[in-house]
Structures are given as structure tokens and as C-alpha cells.
Amino acid sequence: MVQSLSASPIETSVVARPGRTVVHVEGQLDHGGTMMLMKELSDLPAHCRRLVLDFSRVSFLGFAAVELVEVVAEQVRAAGGQLEVRGVDDPRLRALHLSGGLRALRIAETPGVSTGRADGRRNEVVLRQALATALRVTGAPMGNVQFLDPASDTLRISAQRGFHHPFLSYFRSVEVAGHGSACGAAARQRRPVFVEDIRASPLFVGTAAGDVLHDAGVRAVASLPVMTPGGELAGMLSVHRAKPTVWAAEARSELGYVIQAADRLAR
């Protein structure tokens, strides 16, 4: 049986045969597309023992889509079935595959890459997507993400928007233990730090970090730690504004949603 369904921003077709159901997906799996795919998957027969998600025509795979794959993988496995994902090379799904969450992931394996390094790459991708989402939902013009290097206990910038030297040089490597910055404080406290005006904040008044931020055109900053499900620090997300900013409840809530999604995906 072949069933075709069309709906923006994705198109799906379901091919059901004895023992296997293949769901072909085309388009963008952003939040809206993922909700549509979730509806399609919920309508599949509960007795499906082998489910295949074909993402070879997916042009964008967002946070929500990866979360959905993880949920579906667990549901299928709990029912004694198997989930296979085809046609996508995504570090987050690669890590899920390596951990045993997926039966198969049709991507090219890289010889000699350890699970630890794969997890590190996955966290970097998760942080990069979190930054793009955080800048979009808050309208902030500047931001950066840092991944944690556990060996040196330092935060290292892996992606940024709107900054140049000397900001990038000064914040390239931040020691969690003693760096006077919002990201360092958020890392030590394991909780978000919101600074409304760096010129009035005890974190920055009279510090080199405050001078660097001022020269970069930053007056307000929010730094939020990304944690793994096991409670370990994976990295840091920071958004910056050029004017003093009262981080209202709505902005904090939006950022909280982004961080919660990243927390569930980090390893």
C-alpha cells in the first residue's frame, strides 16, 4: 500500500509492506514540519515492527526533528521493533546511532573516530543550532557559543555572530574556574546569568572583560549553560545586545526553551 500526503513545509509518502513501513520525507523539518511529521507517525499502525525514516530529501533538520527521532526510536525499541534512518549525515543522529538508539543510520562512517570525539562534535552542532535559534527568537544582533573542553576545564568559542578581534581573541578560551565574565559565572553556577547593563554590573565594572565588551559595542548579555541529560556541562550560549536591556520574562522563557531543547540533545 502506498499513501501520499502533501502539506507545507514537508511532503511525506508512506509505503507500507508486511514487516516494514517506510516514511519518505521531503522539505524542511523545522518546528512546523516536525509537528506534521509527528502527526503522520502517530497515524501509523501500532504493530509496525520495522520503521524506516527516509530523510534523503530533507533540506533542514532542526532541534525538534532530532528530538522526535529520539522519541520514536525509544518507542519502537520498547515495542520490540527497529528504527532505521536513511539519507542524512547529522552528528546528533550519528551519536544516537553509536549509542544504540537507532538500528541503522545510512551515513559514511569515519574510521578511527571514537565515540567521545563523536559526542564532542555533536555538542558543537547542537550549540551552533541553539545560537541561530536564540538570536532569531530574541532579535539580538550578536552572540556566541562555547563548547566545554573537559581536559582543561575551559570554554572555547565554536561559533559566533557579530564579533571581531579583540573580542574573539579575549574570549577565545575562558577558564571556568576564574574568568571574570558572564559565561564563566554561568558555567560555575550552572545557571543562567542575565546582565542588563555591563557598565553597572559587578561582574564587569573595572574589569578587562568589561572593557572588551564595551569596545565590541555590547551593553547587555545573557549567558545560559547547556547541560547534558546526565547533569554535565556541555557548553555555553550567550546573546548580546548593543543597548542596556531588561531581560523580560518572555525573552527568558524563549531562551529557556532553546536551552531545554539543547540540553536534551547534548551528550
Protein backbone atom coordinates (compact mmCIF):
# COMPACT_ATOMS: atom_id res chain seq x y z
CA MET A 1 0.00 0.00 0.00
CA VAL A 2 1.29 3.46 -0.90
CA GLN A 3 -0.19 6.56 0.70
CA SER A 4 0.84 10.07 -0.42
CA LEU A 5 0.31 13.16 1.68
CA SER A 6 1.23 16.78 0.97
CA ALA A 7 1.46 19.66 3.40
CA SER A 8 3.82 22.62 3.63
CA PRO A 9 6.63 22.76 4.75
CA ILE A 10 7.05 18.99 4.20
CA GLU A 11 5.70 16.32 1.92
CA THR A 12 5.52 12.72 3.04
CA SER A 13 4.72 9.40 1.44
CA VAL A 14 4.21 6.19 3.36
CA VAL A 15 4.99 2.82 1.82
CA ALA A 16 3.65 0.01 3.98
CA ARG A 17 4.57 -3.60 3.32
CA PRO A 18 4.43 -6.68 5.54
CA GLY A 19 7.09 -6.30 8.20
CA ARG A 20 8.29 -2.84 7.17
CA THR A 21 6.94 0.68 6.82
CA VAL A 22 8.96 3.37 5.02
CA VAL A 23 8.16 7.05 5.55
CA HIS A 24 9.71 9.27 2.87
CA VAL A 25 10.04 12.92 3.93
CA GLU A 26 10.83 15.92 1.72
CA GLY A 27 11.26 19.55 2.78
CA GLN A 28 12.27 21.36 5.94
CA LEU A 29 11.90 19.67 9.31
CA ASP A 30 11.69 22.85 11.33
CA HIS A 31 9.26 23.05 14.24
CA GLY A 32 6.18 23.19 11.99
CA GLY A 33 7.39 20.42 9.70
CA THR A 34 8.25 18.24 12.68
CA MET A 35 4.77 18.65 14.14
CA MET A 36 3.33 17.50 10.81
CA LEU A 37 5.65 14.50 10.73
CA MET A 38 4.72 13.65 14.31
CA LYS A 39 1.05 13.57 13.27
CA GLU A 40 1.86 11.28 10.33
CA LEU A 41 3.81 8.91 12.54
CA SER A 42 1.08 8.84 15.18
CA ASP A 43 -1.35 7.61 12.49
CA LEU A 44 0.81 4.60 11.61
CA PRO A 45 -0.30 1.16 12.79
CA ALA A 46 0.92 0.38 16.29
CA HIS A 47 2.09 -3.09 15.28
CA CYS A 48 4.75 -1.78 12.85
CA ARG A 49 7.88 -3.78 13.77
CA ARG A 50 10.35 -2.11 11.44
CA LEU A 51 10.05 1.60 10.72
CA VAL A 52 12.26 3.40 8.20
CA LEU A 53 12.51 7.20 8.06
CA ASP A 54 13.92 8.32 4.71
CA PHE A 55 15.35 11.84 5.13
CA SER A 56 17.33 11.88 1.88
CA ARG A 57 15.20 14.79 0.59
CA VAL A 58 15.17 16.75 3.86
CA SER A 59 16.90 20.13 3.43
CA PHE A 60 16.86 21.18 7.10
CA LEU A 61 16.87 19.09 10.27
CA GLY A 62 16.10 21.13 13.36
CA PHE A 63 16.15 20.50 17.11
CA ALA A 64 12.56 19.33 17.24
CA ALA A 65 13.13 16.78 14.46
CA VAL A 66 16.10 15.20 16.23
CA GLU A 67 14.08 15.03 19.45
CA LEU A 68 11.26 13.35 17.55
CA VAL A 69 13.63 10.74 16.11
CA GLU A 70 14.94 10.00 19.61
CA VAL A 71 11.41 9.61 20.99
CA VAL A 72 10.32 7.40 18.10
CA ALA A 73 13.47 5.29 18.41
CA GLU A 74 12.70 4.62 22.07
CA GLN A 75 9.04 3.85 21.39
CA VAL A 76 9.85 1.44 18.56
CA ARG A 77 12.55 -0.27 20.58
CA ALA A 78 10.25 -0.61 23.62
CA ALA A 79 7.70 -2.33 21.37
CA GLY A 80 10.33 -4.81 20.20
CA GLY A 81 10.80 -3.18 16.80
CA GLN A 82 13.59 -1.43 14.95
CA LEU A 83 14.01 2.11 13.65
CA GLU A 84 16.19 2.92 10.66
CA VAL A 85 17.06 6.40 9.42
CA ARG A 86 18.27 6.88 5.86
CA GLY A 87 19.84 9.63 3.82
CA VAL A 88 21.11 12.01 6.49
CA ASP A 89 24.59 12.79 7.84
CA ASP A 90 23.92 14.60 11.08
CA PRO A 91 26.31 14.38 14.07
CA ARG A 92 23.41 14.34 16.53
CA LEU A 93 21.82 11.32 14.86
CA ARG A 94 25.25 9.77 14.39
CA ALA A 95 25.75 9.93 18.15
CA LEU A 96 22.32 8.39 18.72
CA HIS A 97 23.26 5.59 16.33
CA LEU A 98 26.56 4.97 18.11
CA SER A 99 24.75 4.78 21.45
CA GLY A 100 22.44 2.07 20.10
CA GLY A 101 19.31 4.21 19.77
CA LEU A 102 18.97 3.57 16.03
CA ARG A 103 19.15 0.25 14.24
CA ALA A 104 20.89 1.78 11.25
CA LEU A 105 21.95 5.19 10.05
CA ARG A 106 22.82 5.40 6.37
CA ILE A 107 25.84 7.67 6.59
CA ALA A 108 29.51 7.19 5.83
CA GLU A 109 31.42 6.07 8.88
CA THR A 110 34.75 7.77 9.62
CA PRO A 111 37.46 5.22 10.51
CA GLY A 112 39.24 5.75 13.80
CA VAL A 113 36.76 8.23 15.27
CA SER A 114 35.98 7.44 18.89
CA THR A 115 32.58 7.79 20.48
CA GLY A 116 33.95 10.56 22.71
CA ARG A 117 35.03 12.63 19.72
CA ALA A 118 31.69 11.99 18.03
CA ASP A 119 29.93 13.22 21.17
CA GLY A 120 32.10 16.35 21.12
CA ARG A 121 31.22 17.08 17.51
CA ARG A 122 27.57 16.52 18.28
CA ASN A 123 27.65 19.04 21.12
CA GLU A 124 29.25 21.61 18.83
CA VAL A 125 26.48 21.15 16.24
CA VAL A 126 23.81 21.36 18.96
CA LEU A 127 25.34 24.61 20.26
CA ARG A 128 25.55 26.14 16.78
CA GLN A 129 21.87 25.45 16.13
CA ALA A 130 20.99 26.79 19.58
CA LEU A 131 22.78 30.05 18.78
CA ALA A 132 20.91 30.53 15.50
CA THR A 133 17.59 29.89 17.23
CA ALA A 134 18.39 32.14 20.22
CA LEU A 135 19.35 35.08 18.01
CA ARG A 136 16.17 34.64 16.00
CA VAL A 137 13.77 34.46 18.95
CA THR A 138 15.37 37.32 20.90
CA GLY A 139 16.29 39.57 17.98
CA ALA A 140 19.78 40.01 19.46
CA PRO A 141 22.38 41.09 16.84
CA MET A 142 25.36 39.39 18.46
CA GLY A 143 26.04 36.06 20.13
CA ASN A 144 28.40 33.17 20.52
CA VAL A 145 28.51 29.59 21.70
CA GLN A 146 31.34 27.87 23.53
CA PHE A 147 31.87 24.16 23.97
CA LEU A 148 33.48 22.85 27.14
CA ASP A 149 36.91 21.27 26.86
CA PRO A 150 36.82 18.92 29.86
CA ALA A 151 40.57 18.29 29.81
CA SER A 152 41.38 21.95 30.53
CA ASP A 153 38.02 22.98 32.04
CA THR A 154 37.79 25.85 29.57
CA LEU A 155 35.04 27.19 27.34
CA ARG A 156 36.13 27.63 23.72
CA ILE A 157 34.22 29.61 21.09
CA SER A 158 32.90 27.30 18.37
CA ALA A 159 30.54 29.72 16.60
CA GLN A 160 29.75 33.43 16.78
CA ARG A 161 27.89 36.20 15.05
CA GLY A 162 28.67 39.91 15.02
CA PHE A 163 32.08 39.92 16.70
CA HIS A 164 35.64 40.62 15.60
CA HIS A 165 39.09 40.94 17.15
CA PRO A 166 39.82 41.71 20.03
CA PHE A 167 36.57 40.20 21.40
CA LEU A 168 37.25 36.86 19.73
CA SER A 169 40.83 36.84 20.94
CA TYR A 170 39.94 37.68 24.55
CA PHE A 171 37.04 35.23 24.84
CA ARG A 172 38.55 32.53 22.62
CA SER A 173 39.34 30.44 25.71
CA VAL A 174 37.60 31.08 29.04
CA GLU A 175 38.73 29.26 32.17
CA VAL A 176 35.64 28.20 34.09
CA ALA A 177 37.35 28.48 37.46
CA GLY A 178 38.30 32.13 37.47
CA HIS A 179 37.36 34.12 34.39
CA GLY A 180 35.51 37.37 35.13
CA SER A 181 32.68 37.10 32.62
CA ALA A 182 29.01 36.23 32.35
CA CYS A 183 29.79 32.93 30.62
CA GLY A 184 32.35 31.99 33.27
CA ALA A 185 29.90 32.83 36.07
CA ALA A 186 27.10 30.87 34.39
CA ALA A 187 29.43 27.89 33.98
CA ARG A 188 30.50 27.94 37.63
CA GLN A 189 26.96 28.41 38.96
CA ARG A 190 25.36 26.07 36.42
CA ARG A 191 22.55 28.55 35.90
CA PRO A 192 21.73 31.43 33.52
CA VAL A 193 23.28 34.83 34.10
CA PHE A 194 21.45 37.92 32.79
CA VAL A 195 23.28 41.24 32.74
CA GLU A 196 21.14 44.28 31.94
CA ASP A 197 23.98 46.80 31.69
CA ILE A 198 27.66 45.85 31.77
CA ARG A 199 28.55 49.37 32.93
CA ALA A 200 26.62 48.80 36.17
CA SER A 201 27.22 45.08 36.72
CA PRO A 202 29.66 43.96 39.46
CA LEU A 203 30.76 41.23 37.03
CA PHE A 204 32.23 43.79 34.63
CA VAL A 205 32.84 47.13 36.33
CA GLY A 206 36.57 47.82 36.34
CA THR A 207 37.45 44.56 34.56
CA ALA A 208 39.26 43.81 31.31
CA ALA A 209 36.26 41.77 30.16
CA GLY A 210 34.03 44.81 30.62
CA ASP A 211 36.38 46.94 28.53
CA VAL A 212 36.45 44.35 25.75
CA LEU A 213 32.65 44.11 25.70
CA HIS A 214 32.30 47.89 25.68
CA ASP A 215 34.72 48.19 22.75
CA ALA A 216 32.72 45.49 20.91
CA GLY A 217 29.55 47.54 21.26
CA VAL A 218 27.95 45.29 23.90
CA ARG A 219 25.87 46.73 26.74
CA ALA A 220 23.78 43.71 27.80
CA VAL A 221 24.43 39.98 27.79
CA ALA A 222 22.66 36.75 28.69
CA SER A 223 24.71 33.58 29.20
CA LEU A 224 22.99 30.21 29.59
CA PRO A 225 24.73 26.88 30.28
CA VAL A 226 23.85 23.85 28.17
CA MET A 227 23.83 20.68 30.28
CA THR A 228 23.78 17.04 29.28
CA PRO A 229 20.93 14.80 30.50
CA GLY A 230 23.46 13.42 33.00
CA GLY A 231 23.98 16.85 34.56
CA GLU A 232 27.37 17.63 32.99
CA LEU A 233 28.21 20.99 31.47
CA ALA A 234 28.37 20.68 27.66
CA GLY A 235 28.86 24.32 26.71
CA MET A 236 27.56 27.87 26.87
CA LEU A 237 25.19 30.03 24.83
CA SER A 238 25.44 33.83 25.07
CA VAL A 239 23.43 36.53 23.33
CA HIS A 240 24.43 40.20 23.37
CA ARG A 241 22.65 43.49 22.83
CA ALA A 242 24.05 46.89 21.93
CA LYS A 243 21.81 48.73 24.40
CA PRO A 244 21.01 48.17 28.09
CA THR A 245 18.29 45.56 28.20
CA VAL A 246 15.81 44.38 30.78
CA TRP A 247 15.63 40.67 30.02
CA ALA A 248 11.86 40.33 30.28
CA ALA A 249 10.07 37.14 31.24
CA GLU A 250 9.13 36.46 27.62
CA ALA A 251 12.75 36.64 26.43
CA ARG A 252 13.93 34.46 29.32
CA SER A 253 11.20 31.96 28.53
CA GLU A 254 12.17 31.82 24.85
CA LEU A 255 15.82 31.32 25.72
CA GLY A 256 14.83 28.71 28.29
CA TYR A 257 13.02 26.73 25.61
CA VAL A 258 16.09 26.83 23.36
CA ILE A 259 18.34 25.66 26.20
CA GLN A 260 15.95 22.87 27.23
CA ALA A 261 15.98 21.56 23.66
CA ALA A 262 19.79 21.73 23.57
CA ASP A 263 20.03 20.04 26.98
CA ARG A 264 18.07 17.04 25.72
CA LEU A 265 20.32 16.71 22.68
CA ALA A 266 23.70 17.28 24.31
CA ARG A 267 25.93 14.37 25.29
